[in-house]
All heavy atoms as atom14 arrays in JSON, in Angstrom:
{
  "sequence": "VHRALAEVLGGHHAFDVRFARCERFPGVLYLAPEPDAPLRRLTEAVV",
  "atom14_mask": [
    [1, 1, 1, 1, 1, 1, 1, 0, 0, 0, 0, 0, 0, 0],
    [1, 1, 1, 1, 1, 1, 1, 1, 1, 1, 0, 0, 0, 0],
    [1, 1, 1, 1, 1, 1, 1, 1, 1, 1, 1, 0, 0, 0],
    [1, 1, 1, 1, 1, 0, 0, 0, 0, 0, 0, 0, 0, 0],
    [1, 1, 1, 1, 1, 1, 1, 1, 0, 0, 0, 0, 0, 0],
    [1, 1, 1, 1, 1, 0, 0, 0, 0, 0, 0, 0, 0, 0],
    [1, 1, 1, 1, 1, 1, 1, 1, 1, 0, 0, 0, 0, 0],
    [1, 1, 1, 1, 1, 1, 1, 0, 0, 0, 0, 0, 0, 0],
    [1, 1, 1, 1, 1, 1, 1, 1, 0, 0, 0, 0, 0, 0],
    [1, 1, 1, 1, 0, 0, 0, 0, 0, 0, 0, 0, 0, 0],
    [1, 1, 1, 1, 0, 0, 0, 0, 0, 0, 0, 0, 0, 0],
    [1, 1, 1, 1, 1, 1, 1, 1, 1, 1, 0, 0, 0, 0],
    [1, 1, 1, 1, 1, 1, 1, 1, 1, 1, 0, 0, 0, 0],
    [1, 1, 1, 1, 1, 0, 0, 0, 0, 0, 0, 0, 0, 0],
    [1, 1, 1, 1, 1, 1, 1, 1, 1, 1, 1, 0, 0, 0],
    [1, 1, 1, 1, 1, 1, 1, 1, 0, 0, 0, 0, 0, 0],
    [1, 1, 1, 1, 1, 1, 1, 0, 0, 0, 0, 0, 0, 0],
    [1, 1, 1, 1, 1, 1, 1, 1, 1, 1, 1, 0, 0, 0],
    [1, 1, 1, 1, 1, 1, 1, 1, 1, 1, 1, 0, 0, 0],
    [1, 1, 1, 1, 1, 0, 0, 0, 0, 0, 0, 0, 0, 0],
    [1, 1, 1, 1, 1, 1, 1, 1, 1, 1, 1, 0, 0, 0],
    [1, 1, 1, 1, 1, 1, 0, 0, 0, 0, 0, 0, 0, 0],
    [1, 1, 1, 1, 1, 1, 1, 1, 1, 0, 0, 0, 0, 0],
    [1, 1, 1, 1, 1, 1, 1, 1, 1, 1, 1, 0, 0, 0],
    [1, 1, 1, 1, 1, 1, 1, 1, 1, 1, 1, 0, 0, 0],
    [1, 1, 1, 1, 1, 1, 1, 0, 0, 0, 0, 0, 0, 0],
    [1, 1, 1, 1, 0, 0, 0, 0, 0, 0, 0, 0, 0, 0],
    [1, 1, 1, 1, 1, 1, 1, 0, 0, 0, 0, 0, 0, 0],
    [1, 1, 1, 1, 1, 1, 1, 1, 0, 0, 0, 0, 0, 0],
    [1, 1, 1, 1, 1, 1, 1, 1, 1, 1, 1, 1, 0, 0],
    [1, 1, 1, 1, 1, 1, 1, 1, 0, 0, 0, 0, 0, 0],
    [1, 1, 1, 1, 1, 0, 0, 0, 0, 0, 0, 0, 0, 0],
    [1, 1, 1, 1, 1, 1, 1, 0, 0, 0, 0, 0, 0, 0],
    [1, 1, 1, 1, 1, 1, 1, 1, 1, 0, 0, 0, 0, 0],
    [1, 1, 1, 1, 1, 1, 1, 0, 0, 0, 0, 0, 0, 0],
    [1, 1, 1, 1, 1, 1, 1, 1, 0, 0, 0, 0, 0, 0],
    [1, 1, 1, 1, 1, 0, 0, 0, 0, 0, 0, 0, 0, 0],
    [1, 1, 1, 1, 1, 1, 1, 0, 0, 0, 0, 0, 0, 0],
    [1, 1, 1, 1, 1, 1, 1, 1, 0, 0, 0, 0, 0, 0],
    [1, 1, 1, 1, 1, 1, 1, 1, 1, 1, 1, 0, 0, 0],
    [1, 1, 1, 1, 1, 1, 1, 1, 1, 1, 1, 0, 0, 0],
    [1, 1, 1, 1, 1, 1, 1, 1, 0, 0, 0, 0, 0, 0],
    [1, 1, 1, 1, 1, 1, 1, 0, 0, 0, 0, 0, 0, 0],
    [1, 1, 1, 1, 1, 1, 1, 1, 1, 0, 0, 0, 0, 0],
    [1, 1, 1, 1, 1, 0, 0, 0, 0, 0, 0, 0, 0, 0],
    [1, 1, 1, 1, 1, 1, 1, 0, 0, 0, 0, 0, 0, 0],
    [1, 1, 1, 1, 1, 1, 1, 0, 0, 0, 0, 0, 0, 0]
  ],
  "atom14_positions": [
    [[-4.61, 18.99, 5.64], [-4.41, 17.55, 5.58], [-4.13, 17.14, 4.15], [-3.28, 16.32, 3.89], [-5.61, 16.79, 6.18], [-5.54, 15.29, 5.97], [-5.79, 17.09, 7.63], [0.0, 0.0, 0.0], [0.0, 0.0, 0.0], [0.0, 0.0, 0.0], [0.0, 0.0, 0.0], [0.0, 0.0, 0.0], [0.0, 0.0, 0.0], [0.0, 0.0, 0.0]],
    [[-4.87, 17.68, 3.2], [-4.66, 17.38, 1.76], [-3.26, 17.8, 1.36], [-2.56, 17.0, 0.64], [-5.66, 18.07, 0.93], [-7.03, 17.58, 1.05], [-8.03, 17.81, 0.14], [-7.65, 16.86, 2.03], [-9.18, 17.28, 0.54], [-8.95, 16.7, 1.68], [0.0, 0.0, 0.0], [0.0, 0.0, 0.0], [0.0, 0.0, 0.0], [0.0, 0.0, 0.0]],
    [[-2.8, 18.94, 1.81], [-1.4, 19.4, 1.48], [-0.38, 18.48, 2.04], [0.61, 18.1, 1.38], [-1.21, 20.87, 1.91], [-1.96, 21.84, 1.03], [-1.6, 23.25, 1.36], [-1.98, 23.66, 2.75], [-3.2, 24.05, 3.13], [-4.16, 24.15, 2.23], [-3.47, 24.42, 4.34], [0.0, 0.0, 0.0], [0.0, 0.0, 0.0], [0.0, 0.0, 0.0]],
    [[-0.55, 18.07, 3.28], [0.39, 17.15, 3.93], [0.44, 15.82, 3.22], [1.51, 15.23, 2.99], [0.07, 16.99, 5.43], [0.0, 0.0, 0.0], [0.0, 0.0, 0.0], [0.0, 0.0, 0.0], [0.0, 0.0, 0.0], [0.0, 0.0, 0.0], [0.0, 0.0, 0.0], [0.0, 0.0, 0.0], [0.0, 0.0, 0.0], [0.0, 0.0, 0.0]],
    [[-0.76, 15.28, 2.87], [-0.75, 14.02, 2.13], [-0.11, 14.18, 0.75], [0.6, 13.27, 0.34], [-2.24, 13.54, 2.0], [-2.83, 13.01, 3.29], [-4.32, 12.73, 3.03], [-2.14, 11.78, 3.76], [0.0, 0.0, 0.0], [0.0, 0.0, 0.0], [0.0, 0.0, 0.0], [0.0, 0.0, 0.0], [0.0, 0.0, 0.0], [0.0, 0.0, 0.0]],
    [[-0.37, 15.25, 0.09], [0.27, 15.46, -1.25], [1.78, 15.49, -1.09], [2.5, 14.92, -1.92], [-0.26, 16.73, -1.87], [0.0, 0.0, 0.0], [0.0, 0.0, 0.0], [0.0, 0.0, 0.0], [0.0, 0.0, 0.0], [0.0, 0.0, 0.0], [0.0, 0.0, 0.0], [0.0, 0.0, 0.0], [0.0, 0.0, 0.0], [0.0, 0.0, 0.0]],
    [[2.25, 16.14, -0.03], [3.69, 16.19, 0.18], [4.26, 14.79, 0.46], [5.28, 14.38, -0.15], [3.97, 17.1, 1.35], [5.43, 17.28, 1.66], [5.62, 18.19, 2.87], [5.06, 19.3, 2.88], [6.33, 17.79, 3.81], [0.0, 0.0, 0.0], [0.0, 0.0, 0.0], [0.0, 0.0, 0.0], [0.0, 0.0, 0.0], [0.0, 0.0, 0.0]],
    [[3.64, 14.08, 1.32], [4.15, 12.73, 1.71], [3.99, 11.75, 0.53], [5.03, 11.1, 0.19], [3.32, 12.18, 2.91], [3.65, 10.75, 3.18], [3.63, 13.0, 4.13], [0.0, 0.0, 0.0], [0.0, 0.0, 0.0], [0.0, 0.0, 0.0], [0.0, 0.0, 0.0], [0.0, 0.0, 0.0], [0.0, 0.0, 0.0], [0.0, 0.0, 0.0]],
    [[2.88, 11.68, -0.06], [2.64, 10.69, -1.12], [3.35, 11.1, -2.4], [3.73, 10.24, -3.21], [1.19, 10.47, -1.34], [0.42, 9.94, -0.12], [-1.12, 9.83, -0.42], [0.98, 8.66, 0.37], [0.0, 0.0, 0.0], [0.0, 0.0, 0.0], [0.0, 0.0, 0.0], [0.0, 0.0, 0.0], [0.0, 0.0, 0.0], [0.0, 0.0, 0.0]],
    [[3.56, 12.37, -2.63], [4.21, 12.88, -3.85], [5.7, 12.42, -3.9], [6.26, 12.42, -4.94], [0.0, 0.0, 0.0], [0.0, 0.0, 0.0], [0.0, 0.0, 0.0], [0.0, 0.0, 0.0], [0.0, 0.0, 0.0], [0.0, 0.0, 0.0], [0.0, 0.0, 0.0], [0.0, 0.0, 0.0], [0.0, 0.0, 0.0], [0.0, 0.0, 0.0]],
    [[6.25, 12.04, -2.79], [7.64, 11.57, -2.75], [7.77, 10.1, -3.14], [8.88, 9.58, -3.2], [0.0, 0.0, 0.0], [0.0, 0.0, 0.0], [0.0, 0.0, 0.0], [0.0, 0.0, 0.0], [0.0, 0.0, 0.0], [0.0, 0.0, 0.0], [0.0, 0.0, 0.0], [0.0, 0.0, 0.0], [0.0, 0.0, 0.0], [0.0, 0.0, 0.0]],
    [[6.69, 9.44, -3.48], [6.71, 8.02, -3.87], [6.47, 7.89, -5.37], [5.67, 8.6, -5.93], [5.64, 7.22, -3.07], [5.95, 7.19, -1.6], [6.56, 6.08, -1.0], [5.71, 8.05, -0.65], [6.71, 6.35, 0.27], [6.2, 7.51, 0.54], [0.0, 0.0, 0.0], [0.0, 0.0, 0.0], [0.0, 0.0, 0.0], [0.0, 0.0, 0.0]],
    [[7.2, 6.95, -5.97], [7.03, 6.76, -7.39], [5.96, 5.67, -7.65], [5.67, 4.88, -6.8], [8.37, 6.26, -8.01], [9.48, 7.23, -7.83], [9.54, 8.39, -8.58], [10.54, 7.27, -6.97], [10.58, 9.09, -8.23], [11.22, 8.45, -7.24], [0.0, 0.0, 0.0], [0.0, 0.0, 0.0], [0.0, 0.0, 0.0], [0.0, 0.0, 0.0]],
    [[5.39, 5.76, -8.87], [4.4, 4.74, -9.31], [5.09, 3.35, -9.31], [6.32, 3.25, -9.48], [3.91, 5.04, -10.72], [0.0, 0.0, 0.0], [0.0, 0.0, 0.0], [0.0, 0.0, 0.0], [0.0, 0.0, 0.0], [0.0, 0.0, 0.0], [0.0, 0.0, 0.0], [0.0, 0.0, 0.0], [0.0, 0.0, 0.0], [0.0, 0.0, 0.0]],
    [[4.3, 2.34, -9.04], [4.83, 0.97, -9.01], [3.71, 0.0, -9.52], [2.57, 0.3, -9.47], [5.27, 0.58, -7.62], [4.23, 0.74, -6.54], [3.36, -0.29, -6.25], [4.12, 1.92, -5.86], [2.36, -0.11, -5.31], [3.15, 2.09, -4.86], [2.27, 1.07, -4.59], [0.0, 0.0, 0.0], [0.0, 0.0, 0.0], [0.0, 0.0, 0.0]],
    [[4.21, -1.16, -9.99], [3.31, -2.21, -10.39], [3.08, -3.14, -9.25], [3.97, -3.37, -8.43], [3.87, -2.99, -11.58], [3.96, -2.18, -12.84], [3.04, -1.33, -13.07], [4.9, -2.37, -13.59], [0.0, 0.0, 0.0], [0.0, 0.0, 0.0], [0.0, 0.0, 0.0], [0.0, 0.0, 0.0], [0.0, 0.0, 0.0], [0.0, 0.0, 0.0]],
    [[1.89, -3.73, -9.17], [1.55, -4.71, -8.16], [0.62, -5.77, -8.78], [-0.11, -5.48, -9.72], [0.88, -3.98, -6.96], [-0.44, -3.39, -7.33], [0.69, -4.89, -5.74], [0.0, 0.0, 0.0], [0.0, 0.0, 0.0], [0.0, 0.0, 0.0], [0.0, 0.0, 0.0], [0.0, 0.0, 0.0], [0.0, 0.0, 0.0], [0.0, 0.0, 0.0]],
    [[0.75, -6.99, -8.26], [-0.09, -8.07, -8.75], [-0.87, -8.64, -7.63], [-0.54, -8.47, -6.43], [0.77, -9.27, -9.3], [1.55, -8.97, -10.49], [2.36, -10.21, -10.9], [1.82, -11.41, -10.36], [1.75, -12.55, -11.02], [2.25, -12.63, -12.18], [1.22, -13.61, -10.52], [0.0, 0.0, 0.0], [0.0, 0.0, 0.0], [0.0, 0.0, 0.0]],
    [[-1.97, -9.3, -7.86], [-2.83, -9.96, -6.89], [-3.08, -11.38, -7.34], [-4.06, -11.67, -7.97], [-4.16, -9.21, -6.72], [-3.92, -7.74, -6.29], [-3.73, -6.73, -7.17], [-3.88, -7.48, -4.91], [-3.52, -5.42, -6.78], [-3.66, -6.16, -4.53], [-3.5, -5.15, -5.44], [0.0, 0.0, 0.0], [0.0, 0.0, 0.0], [0.0, 0.0, 0.0]],
    [[-2.12, -12.26, -7.02], [-2.13, -13.63, -7.54], [-2.63, -14.66, -6.51], [-2.82, -15.75, -6.93], [-0.75, -14.03, -8.04], [0.0, 0.0, 0.0], [0.0, 0.0, 0.0], [0.0, 0.0, 0.0], [0.0, 0.0, 0.0], [0.0, 0.0, 0.0], [0.0, 0.0, 0.0], [0.0, 0.0, 0.0], [0.0, 0.0, 0.0], [0.0, 0.0, 0.0]],
    [[-2.77, -14.27, -5.25], [-3.15, -15.25, -4.27], [-4.02, -14.59, -3.18], [-3.99, -13.39, -2.99], [-1.95, -15.92, -3.59], [-1.05, -14.97, -2.92], [0.23, -15.69, -2.44], [1.25, -14.71, -2.03], [1.21, -14.03, -0.86], [0.25, -14.24, -0.03], [2.15, -13.14, -0.59], [0.0, 0.0, 0.0], [0.0, 0.0, 0.0], [0.0, 0.0, 0.0]],
    [[-4.72, -15.42, -2.49], [-5.6, -14.95, -1.37], [-4.9, -15.18, -0.07], [-4.15, -16.13, 0.08], [-6.92, -15.7, -1.41], [-7.93, -15.33, -2.8], [0.0, 0.0, 0.0], [0.0, 0.0, 0.0], [0.0, 0.0, 0.0], [0.0, 0.0, 0.0], [0.0, 0.0, 0.0], [0.0, 0.0, 0.0], [0.0, 0.0, 0.0], [0.0, 0.0, 0.0]],
    [[-5.18, -14.31, 0.88], [-4.72, -14.5, 2.29], [-5.89, -14.08, 3.2], [-6.91, -13.61, 2.72], [-3.48, -13.64, 2.58], [-2.28, -14.19, 1.9], [-0.95, -13.65, 2.39], [-0.98, -12.9, 3.43], [0.06, -13.92, 1.78], [0.0, 0.0, 0.0], [0.0, 0.0, 0.0], [0.0, 0.0, 0.0], [0.0, 0.0, 0.0], [0.0, 0.0, 0.0]],
    [[-5.68, -14.26, 4.49], [-6.73, -13.93, 5.49], [-6.26, -13.1, 6.61], [-5.13, -13.27, 7.09], [-7.29, -15.22, 6.07], [-8.17, -16.05, 5.21], [-8.83, -17.14, 5.97], [-10.16, -17.51, 5.93], [-11.25, -16.83, 5.6], [-11.1, -15.63, 5.22], [-12.43, -17.33, 5.58], [0.0, 0.0, 0.0], [0.0, 0.0, 0.0], [0.0, 0.0, 0.0]],
    [[-7.12, -12.15, 7.0], [-7.06, -11.51, 8.3], [-8.19, -12.13, 9.07], [-9.1, -12.7, 8.44], [-7.29, -9.99, 8.2], [-6.16, -9.2, 7.59], [-6.45, -8.28, 6.64], [-4.89, -9.35, 8.04], [-5.4, -7.49, 6.06], [-3.85, -8.59, 7.5], [-4.12, -7.65, 6.51], [0.0, 0.0, 0.0], [0.0, 0.0, 0.0], [0.0, 0.0, 0.0]],
    [[-8.27, -12.04, 10.36], [-9.45, -12.54, 11.05], [-10.75, -11.96, 10.47], [-10.9, -10.74, 10.39], [-9.28, -12.09, 12.5], [-7.8, -12.0, 12.67], [-7.3, -11.5, 11.31], [0.0, 0.0, 0.0], [0.0, 0.0, 0.0], [0.0, 0.0, 0.0], [0.0, 0.0, 0.0], [0.0, 0.0, 0.0], [0.0, 0.0, 0.0], [0.0, 0.0, 0.0]],
    [[-11.61, -12.82, 9.93], [-12.87, -12.41, 9.36], [-12.79, -11.76, 7.98], [-13.79, -11.31, 7.48], [0.0, 0.0, 0.0], [0.0, 0.0, 0.0], [0.0, 0.0, 0.0], [0.0, 0.0, 0.0], [0.0, 0.0, 0.0], [0.0, 0.0, 0.0], [0.0, 0.0, 0.0], [0.0, 0.0, 0.0], [0.0, 0.0, 0.0], [0.0, 0.0, 0.0]],
    [[-11.6, -11.74, 7.41], [-11.46, -11.12, 6.07], [-10.61, -11.98, 5.14], [-9.5, -12.45, 5.5], [-10.75, -9.75, 6.17], [-10.5, -9.09, 4.85], [-11.53, -8.81, 7.1], [0.0, 0.0, 0.0], [0.0, 0.0, 0.0], [0.0, 0.0, 0.0], [0.0, 0.0, 0.0], [0.0, 0.0, 0.0], [0.0, 0.0, 0.0], [0.0, 0.0, 0.0]],
    [[-11.1, -12.21, 3.94], [-10.39, -12.86, 2.86], [-9.97, -11.78, 1.93], [-10.83, -10.92, 1.5], [-11.23, -13.91, 2.16], [-10.63, -14.6, 0.98], [-9.41, -15.49, 1.44], [-11.64, -15.47, 0.26], [0.0, 0.0, 0.0], [0.0, 0.0, 0.0], [0.0, 0.0, 0.0], [0.0, 0.0, 0.0], [0.0, 0.0, 0.0], [0.0, 0.0, 0.0]],
    [[-8.75, -11.7, 1.5], [-8.27, -10.61, 0.6], [-7.31, -11.14, -0.42], [-6.68, -12.17, -0.2], [-7.73, -9.46, 1.41], [-6.44, -9.74, 2.06], [-5.22, -9.4, 1.49], [-6.37, -10.38, 3.33], [-4.0, -9.66, 2.11], [-5.17, -10.63, 3.97], [-3.98, -10.28, 3.36], [-2.79, -10.52, 3.97], [0.0, 0.0, 0.0], [0.0, 0.0, 0.0]],
    [[-7.18, -10.39, -1.49], [-6.16, -10.64, -2.5], [-4.86, -9.96, -2.03], [-4.85, -8.8, -1.8], [-6.57, -10.11, -3.87], [-7.8, -10.79, -4.47], [-8.24, -9.99, -5.73], [-7.47, -12.21, -4.85], [0.0, 0.0, 0.0], [0.0, 0.0, 0.0], [0.0, 0.0, 0.0], [0.0, 0.0, 0.0], [0.0, 0.0, 0.0], [0.0, 0.0, 0.0]],
    [[-3.81, -10.73, -1.86], [-2.52, -10.25, -1.39], [-1.76, -9.54, -2.47], [-1.5, -10.09, -3.53], [-1.72, -11.41, -0.8], [0.0, 0.0, 0.0], [0.0, 0.0, 0.0], [0.0, 0.0, 0.0], [0.0, 0.0, 0.0], [0.0, 0.0, 0.0], [0.0, 0.0, 0.0], [0.0, 0.0, 0.0], [0.0, 0.0, 0.0], [0.0, 0.0, 0.0]],
    [[-1.33, -8.32, -2.17], [-0.53, -7.57, -3.18], [0.89, -8.09, -3.2], [1.49, -8.38, -2.17], [-0.6, -6.12, -2.65], [-0.8, -6.23, -1.22], [-1.6, -7.5, -1.0], [0.0, 0.0, 0.0], [0.0, 0.0, 0.0], [0.0, 0.0, 0.0], [0.0, 0.0, 0.0], [0.0, 0.0, 0.0], [0.0, 0.0, 0.0], [0.0, 0.0, 0.0]],
    [[1.46, -8.23, -4.4], [2.83, -8.65, -4.62], [3.49, -7.72, -5.59], [2.96, -7.61, -6.72], [2.84, -10.11, -5.11], [2.28, -11.08, -4.14], [2.16, -12.49, -4.74], [2.61, -12.67, -5.95], [1.74, -13.38, -4.03], [0.0, 0.0, 0.0], [0.0, 0.0, 0.0], [0.0, 0.0, 0.0], [0.0, 0.0, 0.0], [0.0, 0.0, 0.0]],
    [[4.56, -7.06, -5.3], [5.17, -7.02, -3.96], [4.33, -6.1, -3.0], [3.64, -5.24, -3.48], [6.52, -6.42, -4.18], [6.35, -5.52, -5.37], [5.29, -6.19, -6.26], [0.0, 0.0, 0.0], [0.0, 0.0, 0.0], [0.0, 0.0, 0.0], [0.0, 0.0, 0.0], [0.0, 0.0, 0.0], [0.0, 0.0, 0.0], [0.0, 0.0, 0.0]],
    [[4.46, -6.33, -1.7], [3.68, -5.45, -0.82], [4.56, -4.31, -0.24], [4.04, -3.44, 0.37], [3.04, -6.3, 0.27], [4.02, -6.94, 1.21], [5.27, -6.92, 0.98], [3.57, -7.51, 2.25], [0.0, 0.0, 0.0], [0.0, 0.0, 0.0], [0.0, 0.0, 0.0], [0.0, 0.0, 0.0], [0.0, 0.0, 0.0], [0.0, 0.0, 0.0]],
    [[5.89, -4.38, -0.41], [6.77, -3.37, 0.17], [6.4, -1.97, -0.22], [6.4, -1.07, 0.64], [8.2, -3.7, -0.18], [0.0, 0.0, 0.0], [0.0, 0.0, 0.0], [0.0, 0.0, 0.0], [0.0, 0.0, 0.0], [0.0, 0.0, 0.0], [0.0, 0.0, 0.0], [0.0, 0.0, 0.0], [0.0, 0.0, 0.0], [0.0, 0.0, 0.0]],
    [[6.1, -1.64, -1.53], [5.79, -0.24, -1.83], [4.51, 0.25, -1.08], [4.45, 1.4, -0.64], [5.57, -0.28, -3.34], [6.26, -1.44, -3.84], [6.16, -2.44, -2.72], [0.0, 0.0, 0.0], [0.0, 0.0, 0.0], [0.0, 0.0, 0.0], [0.0, 0.0, 0.0], [0.0, 0.0, 0.0], [0.0, 0.0, 0.0], [0.0, 0.0, 0.0]],
    [[3.55, -0.64, -0.9], [2.31, -0.24, -0.16], [2.62, -0.08, 1.28], [2.09, 0.84, 1.97], [1.22, -1.29, -0.42], [0.72, -1.35, -1.81], [0.03, -2.68, -2.12], [-0.17, -0.18, -2.11], [0.0, 0.0, 0.0], [0.0, 0.0, 0.0], [0.0, 0.0, 0.0], [0.0, 0.0, 0.0], [0.0, 0.0, 0.0], [0.0, 0.0, 0.0]],
    [[3.49, -0.91, 1.84], [3.87, -0.78, 3.27], [4.62, 0.54, 3.46], [4.42, 1.25, 4.47], [4.71, -1.95, 3.69], [3.96, -3.23, 3.8], [4.85, -4.35, 4.33], [4.12, -5.59, 4.33], [3.22, -6.0, 5.26], [3.02, -5.2, 6.29], [2.62, -7.14, 5.16], [0.0, 0.0, 0.0], [0.0, 0.0, 0.0], [0.0, 0.0, 0.0]],
    [[5.43, 0.94, 2.49], [6.15, 2.18, 2.63], [5.18, 3.37, 2.62], [5.39, 4.37, 3.32], [7.2, 2.33, 1.51], [8.41, 1.47, 1.79], [9.62, 1.81, 0.89], [9.4, 1.45, -0.52], [9.64, 0.27, -1.09], [10.16, -0.69, -0.38], [9.42, 0.05, -2.34], [0.0, 0.0, 0.0], [0.0, 0.0, 0.0], [0.0, 0.0, 0.0]],
    [[4.14, 3.29, 1.8], [3.1, 4.36, 1.8], [2.46, 4.47, 3.2], [2.33, 5.57, 3.73], [2.05, 4.09, 0.75], [2.37, 4.24, -0.69], [1.16, 3.83, -1.57], [2.79, 5.64, -1.01], [0.0, 0.0, 0.0], [0.0, 0.0, 0.0], [0.0, 0.0, 0.0], [0.0, 0.0, 0.0], [0.0, 0.0, 0.0], [0.0, 0.0, 0.0]],
    [[2.11, 3.32, 3.75], [1.48, 3.36, 5.1], [2.48, 3.93, 6.12], [2.11, 4.83, 6.92], [1.09, 1.93, 5.5], [0.07, 1.47, 4.6], [0.55, 1.93, 6.91], [0.0, 0.0, 0.0], [0.0, 0.0, 0.0], [0.0, 0.0, 0.0], [0.0, 0.0, 0.0], [0.0, 0.0, 0.0], [0.0, 0.0, 0.0], [0.0, 0.0, 0.0]],
    [[3.7, 3.48, 6.1], [4.69, 3.95, 7.06], [4.89, 5.51, 6.91], [4.98, 6.15, 7.93], [5.99, 3.23, 6.88], [5.94, 1.78, 7.27], [7.1, 0.93, 6.76], [7.96, 1.45, 5.99], [7.16, -0.26, 7.09], [0.0, 0.0, 0.0], [0.0, 0.0, 0.0], [0.0, 0.0, 0.0], [0.0, 0.0, 0.0], [0.0, 0.0, 0.0]],
    [[4.95, 6.0, 5.68], [5.18, 7.39, 5.49], [3.98, 8.22, 6.03], [4.19, 9.28, 6.63], [5.39, 7.7, 3.98], [0.0, 0.0, 0.0], [0.0, 0.0, 0.0], [0.0, 0.0, 0.0], [0.0, 0.0, 0.0], [0.0, 0.0, 0.0], [0.0, 0.0, 0.0], [0.0, 0.0, 0.0], [0.0, 0.0, 0.0], [0.0, 0.0, 0.0]],
    [[2.8, 7.76, 5.75], [1.62, 8.53, 6.27], [1.55, 8.47, 7.78], [1.34, 9.49, 8.44], [0.32, 7.97, 5.65], [-0.92, 8.57, 6.31], [0.26, 8.23, 4.12], [0.0, 0.0, 0.0], [0.0, 0.0, 0.0], [0.0, 0.0, 0.0], [0.0, 0.0, 0.0], [0.0, 0.0, 0.0], [0.0, 0.0, 0.0], [0.0, 0.0, 0.0]],
    [[1.75, 7.33, 8.35], [1.71, 7.2, 9.79], [2.84, 8.02, 10.42], [2.57, 8.72, 11.47], [1.78, 5.71, 10.21], [2.03, 5.56, 11.71], [0.54, 5.0, 9.78], [0.0, 0.0, 0.0], [0.0, 0.0, 0.0], [0.0, 0.0, 0.0], [0.0, 0.0, 0.0], [0.0, 0.0, 0.0], [0.0, 0.0, 0.0], [0.0, 0.0, 0.0]]
  ]
}
């Protein structure tokens, strides 16, 4: 699993992200990442 994750995540470059505003999920208040696309790509690649 570690090797597979290293392979998947190793294909992504470092990126900057800001947390300038709050948003909500049901029952959760969180700082929204901007931009969120690089993080979404990480999730999509792992899934």
